[in-house]
Amino acid sequence: MSEPSGVVVAGAVGVGMAGVLSGVNGEAAVGALFGALIYFTTTAELPLLRRVFFFVASFVMGYMFAPAIGEIEVMGARPFAFPGPAAFGASLLVVTISLAAINRRGLADGKGGGNDG
């Protein structure tokens, strides 16, 4: 008697997941995933937990920035016209640019050292 209820539950979970994933752009998700993986594998000098946090941030924000990157025009051409490459580029750049801005702000506040005059 438990078999039919298991099938019903599995079917309900499958339908629910299909509904949740229906709005996901697969190309952008794959592009963001691979960009985040490249960032994760090339920052071996960082501790693992920090790399995992940067991986998640890179993946999520790369996916979210893909539409904005896709609209960029350079001399009349759109180099990131497709969502996959746009998400890939965004996921590679989002953490790098964020860390550079944070480090630059730290230097401007006088916390990061500098010239003593």
Protein backbone atom coordinates (compact mmCIF):
# COMPACT_ATOMS: atom_id res chain seq x y z
CA MET A 1 0.00 0.00 0.00
CA SER A 2 2.94 2.32 0.49
CA GLU A 3 4.03 2.08 -3.18
CA PRO A 4 1.24 4.25 -4.65
CA SER A 5 1.80 6.98 -2.07
CA GLY A 6 5.55 6.98 -2.83
CA VAL A 7 4.82 7.37 -6.53
CA VAL A 8 2.44 10.24 -5.80
CA VAL A 9 5.00 11.99 -3.61
CA ALA A 10 7.75 11.51 -6.22
CA GLY A 11 5.45 12.85 -8.93
CA ALA A 12 4.52 15.87 -6.84
CA VAL A 13 8.18 16.62 -6.14
CA GLY A 14 8.99 16.32 -9.84
CA VAL A 15 6.18 18.65 -10.85
CA GLY A 16 7.18 21.11 -8.14
CA MET A 17 10.82 21.14 -9.25
CA ALA A 18 9.79 21.59 -12.88
CA GLY A 19 7.73 24.61 -11.86
CA VAL A 20 10.61 26.11 -9.90
CA LEU A 21 13.15 25.55 -12.68
CA SER A 22 10.92 26.74 -15.52
CA GLY A 23 12.11 30.33 -15.13
CA VAL A 24 15.81 29.46 -15.08
CA ASN A 25 17.84 30.30 -18.16
CA GLY A 26 19.93 27.18 -18.66
CA GLU A 27 22.56 28.84 -20.85
CA ALA A 28 23.18 31.60 -18.33
CA ALA A 29 23.31 29.09 -15.46
CA VAL A 30 25.92 26.97 -17.23
CA GLY A 31 27.98 30.03 -18.18
CA ALA A 32 27.90 31.33 -14.60
CA LEU A 33 28.78 27.89 -13.24
CA PHE A 34 31.85 27.54 -15.42
CA GLY A 35 32.99 31.09 -14.71
CA ALA A 36 32.66 30.43 -10.98
CA LEU A 37 34.54 27.13 -11.33
CA ILE A 38 37.43 28.86 -13.08
CA TYR A 39 37.57 31.47 -10.33
CA PHE A 40 37.44 28.72 -7.68
CA THR A 41 40.25 26.68 -9.24
CA THR A 42 42.59 29.59 -9.88
CA THR A 43 42.51 31.02 -6.35
CA ALA A 44 44.23 28.12 -4.61
CA GLU A 45 46.11 30.46 -2.26
CA LEU A 46 42.86 31.37 -0.46
CA PRO A 47 41.43 29.20 2.33
CA LEU A 48 38.80 26.68 1.20
CA LEU A 49 35.87 28.27 3.05
CA ARG A 50 36.59 31.68 1.50
CA ARG A 51 36.90 30.10 -1.95
CA VAL A 52 33.51 28.40 -1.47
CA PHE A 53 31.89 31.71 -0.49
CA PHE A 54 33.46 33.43 -3.51
CA PHE A 55 32.31 30.53 -5.72
CA VAL A 56 28.70 30.96 -4.60
CA ALA A 57 28.84 34.75 -4.95
CA SER A 58 30.43 34.45 -8.38
CA PHE A 59 27.85 31.93 -9.57
CA VAL A 60 24.77 33.76 -8.29
CA MET A 61 25.85 37.26 -9.30
CA GLY A 62 27.21 36.06 -12.64
CA TYR A 63 23.78 34.62 -13.42
CA MET A 64 22.03 37.79 -12.27
CA PHE A 65 24.34 40.14 -14.23
CA ALA A 66 24.05 38.15 -17.48
CA PRO A 67 21.16 40.21 -18.92
CA ALA A 68 22.96 43.49 -18.22
CA ILE A 69 26.24 42.25 -19.72
CA GLY A 70 24.35 40.96 -22.76
CA GLU A 71 23.10 44.47 -23.55
CA ILE A 72 26.58 46.04 -23.72
CA GLU A 73 27.57 47.34 -27.14
CA VAL A 74 31.17 47.97 -28.18
CA MET A 75 31.53 49.97 -31.41
CA GLY A 76 28.14 48.81 -32.63
CA ALA A 77 28.68 45.13 -31.84
CA ARG A 78 27.35 43.11 -28.92
CA PRO A 79 30.18 40.72 -27.94
CA PHE A 80 28.05 39.06 -25.23
CA ALA A 81 24.82 38.74 -27.18
CA PHE A 82 24.15 35.25 -25.83
CA PRO A 83 23.36 34.59 -22.16
CA GLY A 84 25.98 31.86 -21.67
CA PRO A 85 29.07 33.91 -22.51
CA ALA A 86 27.58 36.95 -20.75
CA ALA A 87 27.11 35.00 -17.52
CA PHE A 88 30.57 33.45 -17.89
CA GLY A 89 32.22 36.86 -18.18
CA ALA A 90 30.12 38.33 -15.40
CA SER A 91 30.90 35.49 -12.99
CA LEU A 92 34.63 35.86 -13.69
CA LEU A 93 34.57 39.60 -13.08
CA VAL A 94 32.10 40.15 -10.24
CA VAL A 95 34.27 38.91 -7.36
CA THR A 96 37.49 40.27 -8.86
CA ILE A 97 36.06 43.77 -9.28
CA SER A 98 34.39 43.67 -5.85
CA LEU A 99 37.62 42.69 -4.10
CA ALA A 100 39.58 45.34 -6.01
CA ALA A 101 37.07 48.00 -4.96
CA ILE A 102 37.20 46.85 -1.33
CA ASN A 103 41.00 46.84 -1.32
CA ARG A 104 41.14 50.27 -2.96
CA ARG A 105 38.75 51.68 -0.38
CA GLY A 106 40.89 50.22 2.39
CA LEU A 107 43.90 52.06 0.97
CA ALA A 108 41.95 55.32 0.74
CA ASP A 109 40.87 55.02 4.40
CA GLY A 110 44.49 54.75 5.49
CA LYS A 111 44.11 51.19 6.72
CA GLY A 112 46.09 49.55 3.96
CA GLY A 113 49.38 51.35 4.30
CA GLY A 114 50.80 53.61 1.66
CA ASN A 115 53.48 56.24 1.23
CA ASP A 116 54.80 57.84 4.38
CA GLY A 117 55.66 61.02 2.63
